Protein backbone atom coordinates (compact mmCIF):
# COMPACT_ATOMS: atom_id res chain seq x y z
CA MET A 1 136.66 80.78 94.54
CA GLN A 2 138.84 84.18 95.96
CA ARG A 3 137.37 86.86 98.21
CA PRO A 4 135.55 89.50 97.37
CA SER A 5 137.57 93.07 97.93
CA ALA A 6 135.50 95.33 99.51
CA THR A 7 138.05 97.96 97.57
CA THR A 8 136.30 97.20 94.36
CA LEU A 9 132.88 97.40 95.59
CA LEU A 10 134.04 101.27 96.71
CA PHE A 11 135.42 102.02 93.78
CA TRP A 12 131.56 100.94 93.08
CA TYR A 13 129.65 102.89 94.94
CA ASP A 14 132.13 105.73 94.13
CA ARG A 15 130.16 105.83 90.98
CA HIS A 16 126.45 104.62 91.76
CA ALA A 17 126.07 105.40 95.43
CA ARG A 18 122.33 106.93 95.36
CA ARG A 19 121.20 110.02 96.25
CA LEU A 20 119.23 109.86 99.62
CA PRO A 21 118.35 112.85 102.29
CA TRP A 22 119.56 111.37 105.21
CA ARG A 23 123.08 110.46 103.07
CA VAL A 24 126.73 112.52 103.08
CA PRO A 25 127.67 111.98 99.21
CA PRO A 26 131.35 109.66 98.98
CA GLU A 27 132.76 112.60 97.04
CA ASP A 28 131.70 115.02 99.69
CA ARG A 29 132.87 112.70 102.59
CA ALA A 30 136.21 112.50 100.88
CA LEU A 31 136.96 116.14 101.70
CA GLY A 32 135.97 115.66 105.16
CA VAL A 33 131.99 116.10 105.06
CA LEU A 34 130.89 114.40 108.01
CA PRO A 35 126.94 113.46 108.22
CA ASP A 36 125.11 114.20 111.27
CA PRO A 37 124.80 111.49 113.66
CA TYR A 38 120.92 112.85 114.35
CA ARG A 39 120.05 112.08 110.42
CA VAL A 40 121.52 108.99 110.79
CA TRP A 41 119.98 107.84 113.72
CA LEU A 42 116.75 109.07 112.06
CA SER A 43 116.52 107.39 108.98
CA GLU A 44 117.78 104.31 110.76
CA ILE A 45 114.60 104.08 112.72
CA MET A 46 112.31 105.04 109.82
CA LEU A 47 113.65 102.28 107.45
CA GLN A 48 112.96 99.25 110.24
CA GLN A 49 110.16 97.39 108.31
CA THR A 50 110.11 100.30 105.50
CA THR A 51 110.76 100.95 102.08
CA VAL A 52 113.97 103.89 101.29
CA THR A 53 110.54 104.89 98.94
CA ALA A 54 108.57 105.49 101.45
CA VAL A 55 110.33 107.32 104.38
CA LYS A 56 112.72 110.18 102.56
CA GLY A 57 109.08 111.89 102.30
CA TYR A 58 108.08 111.16 105.59
CA PHE A 59 112.09 112.36 106.93
CA GLU A 60 111.87 115.65 105.20
CA ALA A 61 108.82 116.42 107.04
CA PHE A 62 110.19 116.04 110.71
CA LEU A 63 113.64 117.73 109.77
CA GLY A 64 110.92 120.42 108.79
CA ARG A 65 109.49 120.40 111.65
CA TRP A 66 112.52 119.44 114.53
CA PRO A 67 115.65 120.24 112.05
CA THR A 68 118.06 119.35 115.34
CA LEU A 69 117.68 116.69 118.30
CA ALA A 70 117.44 118.86 120.39
CA ASP A 71 114.01 119.91 118.80
CA LEU A 72 112.42 116.91 118.70
CA ALA A 73 113.44 115.98 122.68
CA ALA A 74 111.52 119.11 123.45
CA ALA A 75 108.36 118.53 120.81
CA PRO A 76 104.61 116.93 122.61
CA ARG A 77 104.42 113.20 121.72
CA ASP A 78 101.91 113.17 120.08
CA ASP A 79 102.99 115.61 117.84
CA VAL A 80 105.34 113.30 116.93
CA MET A 81 102.85 110.12 116.61
CA ALA A 82 100.76 112.17 114.49
CA ALA A 83 103.81 113.00 111.86
CA TRP A 84 104.40 109.19 112.08
CA ALA A 85 101.22 107.99 111.00
CA GLY A 86 101.59 106.17 108.37
CA LEU A 87 104.77 104.51 108.56
CA GLY A 88 103.06 101.77 110.82
CA TYR A 89 105.44 99.68 113.28
CA TYR A 90 104.20 103.13 115.74
CA SER A 91 106.59 102.13 118.60
CA ARG A 92 109.00 103.19 116.38
CA ALA A 93 107.32 106.12 117.00
CA ARG A 94 107.66 106.35 121.03
CA ASN A 95 111.77 105.19 121.15
CA LEU A 96 111.95 108.11 118.93
CA LYS A 97 110.72 110.43 121.38
CA ALA A 98 112.24 108.98 124.08
CA CYS A 99 116.02 107.90 122.47
CA ALA A 100 116.04 112.07 121.77
CA GLU A 101 115.28 112.75 125.43
CA VAL A 102 117.67 110.66 126.45
CA VAL A 103 120.77 111.96 124.45
CA ALA A 104 119.40 115.36 124.74
CA LYS A 105 119.44 114.78 129.24
CA GLU A 106 122.25 112.24 129.48
CA HIS A 107 124.68 112.94 126.07
CA GLY A 108 124.80 116.52 125.83
CA GLY A 109 122.57 116.27 122.94
CA ARG A 110 125.19 113.97 121.04
CA PHE A 111 124.77 110.68 120.11
CA PRO A 112 127.81 108.38 121.54
CA ASP A 113 129.99 107.51 118.76
CA HIS A 114 130.41 103.33 119.98
CA VAL A 115 127.90 100.57 119.61
CA GLU A 116 128.12 99.84 123.27
CA ALA A 117 126.49 102.56 124.37
CA LEU A 118 123.98 103.31 121.45
CA ILE A 119 122.27 99.84 122.04
CA GLY A 120 121.74 101.49 125.52
CA LEU A 121 119.35 103.78 123.77
CA PRO A 122 115.68 103.04 124.18
CA GLY A 123 114.83 101.86 119.86
CA ILE A 124 118.24 101.10 119.63
CA GLY A 125 119.38 97.47 119.01
CA PRO A 126 122.82 95.92 117.34
CA TYR A 127 121.06 96.24 113.88
CA THR A 128 120.71 99.88 114.46
CA ALA A 129 123.93 101.34 117.08
CA ALA A 130 125.80 98.96 114.01
CA ALA A 131 124.65 101.23 111.42
CA ILE A 132 124.65 104.59 113.49
CA ALA A 133 128.06 104.04 114.78
CA ALA A 134 129.60 103.01 110.93
CA ILE A 135 127.95 105.73 109.06
CA ALA A 136 128.18 108.55 111.29
CA PHE A 137 130.93 108.05 113.24
CA ASP A 138 133.42 106.02 110.13
CA ALA A 139 134.12 103.65 113.31
CA PRO A 140 134.53 99.43 111.75
CA GLU A 141 131.48 97.81 112.50
CA THR A 142 129.79 95.69 110.42
CA VAL A 143 126.28 96.78 109.30
CA VAL A 144 124.24 93.32 107.82
CA ASP A 145 120.35 94.21 107.08
CA GLY A 146 118.09 92.54 104.69
CA ASN A 147 119.48 93.78 101.33
CA VAL A 148 123.54 93.02 103.40
CA GLU A 149 121.52 89.43 104.05
CA ARG A 150 121.15 88.75 100.44
CA VAL A 151 124.41 89.48 99.42
CA ILE A 152 126.29 87.15 101.17
CA ALA A 153 123.76 84.24 100.99
CA ARG A 154 124.66 84.61 97.46
CA LEU A 155 128.13 85.22 97.04
CA TYR A 156 128.32 82.48 99.16
CA ALA A 157 125.43 79.82 98.36
CA LEU A 158 124.94 79.41 101.80
CA GLU A 159 122.50 76.45 102.29
CA PRO A 160 120.52 77.04 106.04
CA PRO A 161 117.06 78.71 105.72
CA LEU A 162 116.93 82.07 107.57
CA PRO A 163 116.03 83.27 109.51
CA ASP A 164 118.96 79.99 110.62
CA VAL A 165 121.79 81.40 108.62
CA LYS A 166 121.95 84.36 109.95
CA PRO A 167 124.98 84.37 112.45
CA GLU A 168 126.36 82.53 108.97
CA ILE A 169 125.98 85.25 106.77
CA ARG A 170 127.42 88.32 109.87
CA ARG A 171 130.28 86.07 110.55
CA ARG A 172 131.13 86.00 106.71
CA ALA A 173 129.84 90.01 106.36
CA ALA A 174 132.29 90.73 109.19
CA VAL A 175 135.47 89.66 107.75
CA LEU A 176 134.54 91.47 104.47
CA THR A 177 134.39 94.71 106.43
CA PRO A 178 136.89 96.85 105.83
CA GLY A 179 139.06 99.21 108.22
CA GLU A 180 138.38 101.89 105.99
CA ARG A 181 136.05 103.69 104.89
CA PRO A 182 133.57 101.06 107.06
CA GLY A 183 130.88 103.50 106.23
CA ASP A 184 131.13 104.27 103.23
CA TYR A 185 131.28 100.40 102.81
CA ALA A 186 128.15 99.57 105.03
CA GLN A 187 126.16 102.15 102.46
CA ALA A 188 127.90 100.41 100.02
CA MET A 189 126.40 96.98 100.73
CA MET A 190 123.43 98.77 100.60
CA ASP A 191 122.79 99.78 97.69
CA LEU A 192 124.39 96.61 96.42
CA GLY A 193 121.55 94.56 97.58
CA ALA A 194 118.70 97.17 96.80
CA THR A 195 119.61 98.31 93.92
CA ILE A 196 122.23 95.25 91.61
CA CYS A 197 122.12 92.49 93.64
CA THR A 198 117.77 92.49 94.41
CA PRO A 199 115.19 89.83 95.41
CA LYS A 200 113.84 89.35 91.88
CA SER A 201 115.54 89.15 88.35
CA PRO A 202 119.16 90.74 89.66
CA ALA A 203 121.70 92.50 87.10
CA CYS A 204 124.39 90.56 87.95
CA THR A 205 126.16 91.91 84.70
CA LEU A 206 126.34 94.91 86.41
CA CYS A 207 126.93 93.60 89.98
CA PRO A 208 131.36 94.35 90.48
CA TRP A 209 131.01 91.15 92.37
CA SER A 210 129.78 88.94 90.13
CA ASP A 211 133.09 87.07 89.00
CA HIS A 212 133.37 86.64 92.77
CA CYS A 213 129.39 84.71 93.60
CA ALA A 214 128.22 81.64 94.32
CA ALA A 215 125.14 81.85 93.66
CA ARG A 216 125.86 83.43 89.68
CA ALA A 217 127.72 80.36 89.10
CA GLY A 218 125.27 77.33 90.79
CA GLY A 219 123.02 79.57 88.04
CA GLU A 220 120.36 80.29 90.66
CA PRO A 221 121.24 83.79 92.47
CA GLU A 222 117.44 83.96 93.15
CA GLY A 223 116.79 81.42 95.09
CA TYR A 224 119.24 82.05 97.53
CA PRO A 225 118.46 82.86 100.33
CA ARG A 226 116.99 79.80 101.52
CA ARG A 227 113.61 80.67 103.16
CA ARG A 228 111.02 78.09 104.71
CA ALA A 229 107.68 77.87 103.65
CA LYS A 230 105.64 80.43 105.09
CA ALA A 231 102.87 79.53 107.41
CA ALA A 232 99.91 80.51 106.98
CA ARG A 233 98.69 83.76 108.25
CA PRO A 234 95.70 83.52 110.41
CA VAL A 235 92.97 85.80 110.81
CA ARG A 236 91.24 87.40 113.13
CA GLN A 237 88.45 89.60 113.01
CA GLY A 238 85.90 92.25 114.90
CA GLU A 239 84.00 94.84 115.08
CA ALA A 240 84.98 98.82 114.79
CA TYR A 241 82.48 101.58 115.73
CA VAL A 242 82.66 105.04 113.76
CA VAL A 243 80.32 107.67 115.99
CA ARG A 244 79.71 111.15 114.88
CA ARG A 245 78.78 114.20 115.84
CA ALA A 246 76.23 116.93 114.10
CA ASP A 247 79.44 119.06 113.78
CA GLY A 248 81.99 116.75 112.71
CA ALA A 249 83.69 115.53 115.62
CA ILE A 250 84.09 111.56 115.85
CA LEU A 251 84.47 109.66 118.89
CA VAL A 252 88.40 108.05 119.67
CA ARG A 253 90.10 106.85 122.08
CA ARG A 254 94.12 106.23 123.19
CA ARG A 255 95.12 102.15 122.67
CA PRO A 256 97.71 101.09 125.76
CA ASP A 257 101.09 102.38 125.38
CA LYS A 258 102.17 98.58 125.46
CA GLY A 259 101.49 96.29 122.41
CA LEU A 260 100.00 96.42 118.60
CA LEU A 261 99.38 99.80 118.01
CA GLY A 262 100.35 101.24 121.56
CA GLY A 263 99.94 104.60 122.28
CA MET A 264 98.16 105.19 118.85
CA LEU A 265 94.51 107.51 118.79
CA GLU A 266 91.12 105.03 117.96
CA VAL A 267 87.98 104.56 116.68
CA PRO A 268 86.26 102.36 119.08
CA THR A 269 86.33 98.40 118.76
CA THR A 270 85.64 95.29 120.38
CA GLU A 271 89.08 92.84 120.62
CA TRP A 272 90.36 91.18 117.91
CA THR A 273 89.85 87.43 118.45
CA ALA A 274 90.00 84.05 115.97
CA GLU A 275 85.91 83.71 116.26
CA ARG A 276 83.76 86.13 115.85
CA PRO A 277 83.33 88.49 119.30
CA PRO A 278 80.11 90.07 120.63
CA SER A 279 79.16 92.99 119.63
CA ARG A 280 80.10 96.30 122.43
CA PRO A 281 79.33 99.75 121.22
CA PRO A 282 80.79 102.04 123.20
CA LEU A 283 76.99 104.09 123.80
CA ASP A 284 73.77 103.09 122.88
CA ALA A 285 72.99 104.43 119.47
CA ALA A 286 71.55 103.46 116.26
CA TRP A 287 73.98 101.80 114.95
CA ARG A 288 73.89 100.69 111.35
CA ASP A 289 76.28 98.34 109.34
CA ALA A 290 78.95 100.58 106.96
CA GLY A 291 80.57 97.25 105.36
CA THR A 292 83.69 95.42 105.82
CA ILE A 293 87.26 96.37 106.26
CA GLU A 294 90.70 94.14 105.91
CA HIS A 295 94.17 95.07 106.99
CA THR A 296 96.96 92.55 107.13
CA PHE A 297 99.83 93.01 110.16
CA THR A 298 102.47 91.35 109.95
CA HIS A 299 101.22 88.06 111.93
CA PHE A 300 97.70 88.17 111.53
CA HIS A 301 94.69 89.60 108.51
CA LEU A 302 92.12 91.33 110.24
CA ARG A 303 88.80 91.71 109.05
CA LEU A 304 86.89 94.56 110.88
CA ASP A 305 82.96 95.27 110.29
CA VAL A 306 82.31 98.99 110.45
CA ARG A 307 79.18 100.15 112.32
CA ARG A 308 78.10 103.56 112.23
CA ALA A 309 75.90 105.70 114.22
CA ASP A 310 75.10 109.58 115.05
CA HIS A 311 75.33 111.20 118.27
CA ASP A 312 75.62 114.24 120.60
CA GLY A 313 75.99 113.59 123.60
CA PRO A 314 78.95 113.84 125.94
CA ALA A 315 81.99 110.73 125.64
CA PRO A 316 81.56 107.94 127.21
CA ALA A 317 84.16 107.63 130.08
CA GLY A 318 87.79 106.66 128.56
CA HIS A 319 86.79 108.51 125.39
CA VAL A 320 86.91 111.63 123.78
CA TRP A 321 85.75 114.46 120.51
CA LEU A 322 88.57 114.66 118.10
CA ALA A 323 87.51 117.91 116.13
CA ALA A 324 86.80 117.14 112.35
CA ALA A 325 89.33 119.37 111.28
CA ASP A 326 91.57 117.90 113.47
CA ILE A 327 91.21 114.13 112.03
CA ALA A 328 93.66 114.08 108.59
CA GLY A 329 96.77 115.13 111.34
CA GLU A 330 96.09 112.96 114.40
CA ALA A 331 97.72 109.48 114.53
CA LEU A 332 95.71 107.41 113.61
CA PRO A 333 96.99 104.20 111.77
CA SER A 334 96.42 103.30 108.38
CA VAL A 335 93.43 100.57 109.44
CA MET A 336 91.77 103.66 111.85
CA ARG A 337 92.02 105.12 109.01
CA LYS A 338 90.65 102.58 107.03
CA ALA A 339 87.38 102.14 110.04
CA LEU A 340 86.62 106.08 109.57
CA GLU A 341 86.30 105.84 105.73
CA ALA A 342 84.41 103.60 105.73
CA GLY A 343 82.19 105.09 108.35
CA CYS A 344 82.40 108.00 107.54
CA PRO A 345 83.76 108.68 103.32
CA GLU A 346 83.82 112.07 103.58
CA TYR A 347 86.43 111.96 105.38
CA GLY A 348 89.68 111.76 103.24
CA LYS A 349 93.15 111.78 103.74
CA SER A 350 93.10 115.23 102.24
CA ARG A 351 91.73 117.32 105.24
CA LYS A 352 93.66 120.02 106.90
CA THR A 353 94.58 119.72 110.21
CA SER A 354 95.18 122.59 113.87
CA GLY A 355 95.72 119.91 116.20
CA ARG A 356 92.91 120.69 118.86
CA ARG A 357 90.86 118.17 120.55
CA VAL A 358 87.01 119.92 122.01
């Protein structure tokens, strides 16, 4: 079967490219309009483990508050973490802030234009470095995300399962990467996987490469890439403690920077273990049950029994009171939002914020 042509894919992309807030359309790039590396970088960090639909609003909100890299570098970290709340994988937000500071301080506020220097920046690995270099600087780098993996695995009907097949996918993708318009080509591959070569019910009749696809020729494009059977996700248990002061403030503490949900605020909890851990309330009070919440992380499922109490004394060591007016806007991860709303249903996600602690 003849090798698919980058020219054919680019012709398709010129007509069908998605309009995304961080992207320069192909017709503008043809006129010499270059992407802003800051916007490319910000979008690529946000899109890690997240969908385009989920990211659009966050991206526009970030640009509204911090329109330049210098603005983001100068922002308080707590503000960045709060703006990130809901996107998950919070180490990305910490690295985002750290990367902005390094680029502002050590690179004169400009991103390096080559992969080797980009990889040395906080939060930027080989994939993100290749994406920034290709899209922002038109460097001939091979960009392989989940969409591209799917396209390549189907084009060649690659039999080894993920993740074993990744090196072979990358090798074949590199052969296809053109020297001209590599930035547009990288985005074309992403769009092809996102809109045509989808995980289920791919639109093969609309694909510019359909005549070159071994999986389609074999009659089972949905069967690629091959995957191993998933192991059952383990379940962990614990208790969460929602403490409310008379003025509506909620007791919180900050998690360590390293580890799951690092640097985020949380309502106090026990450890999360396979066997139910003993109760460890943060203070003496009249505790009452407030239900059970569940949350699924990448590697385990969590079940927390929520307990609620009222308390008007000082916050215990290592804890602070979070003012009622600040609750919706603070960097509380989704699992802690669930616990808080189980313990205090009156705190919905629509509350306005002022960003102060008391």
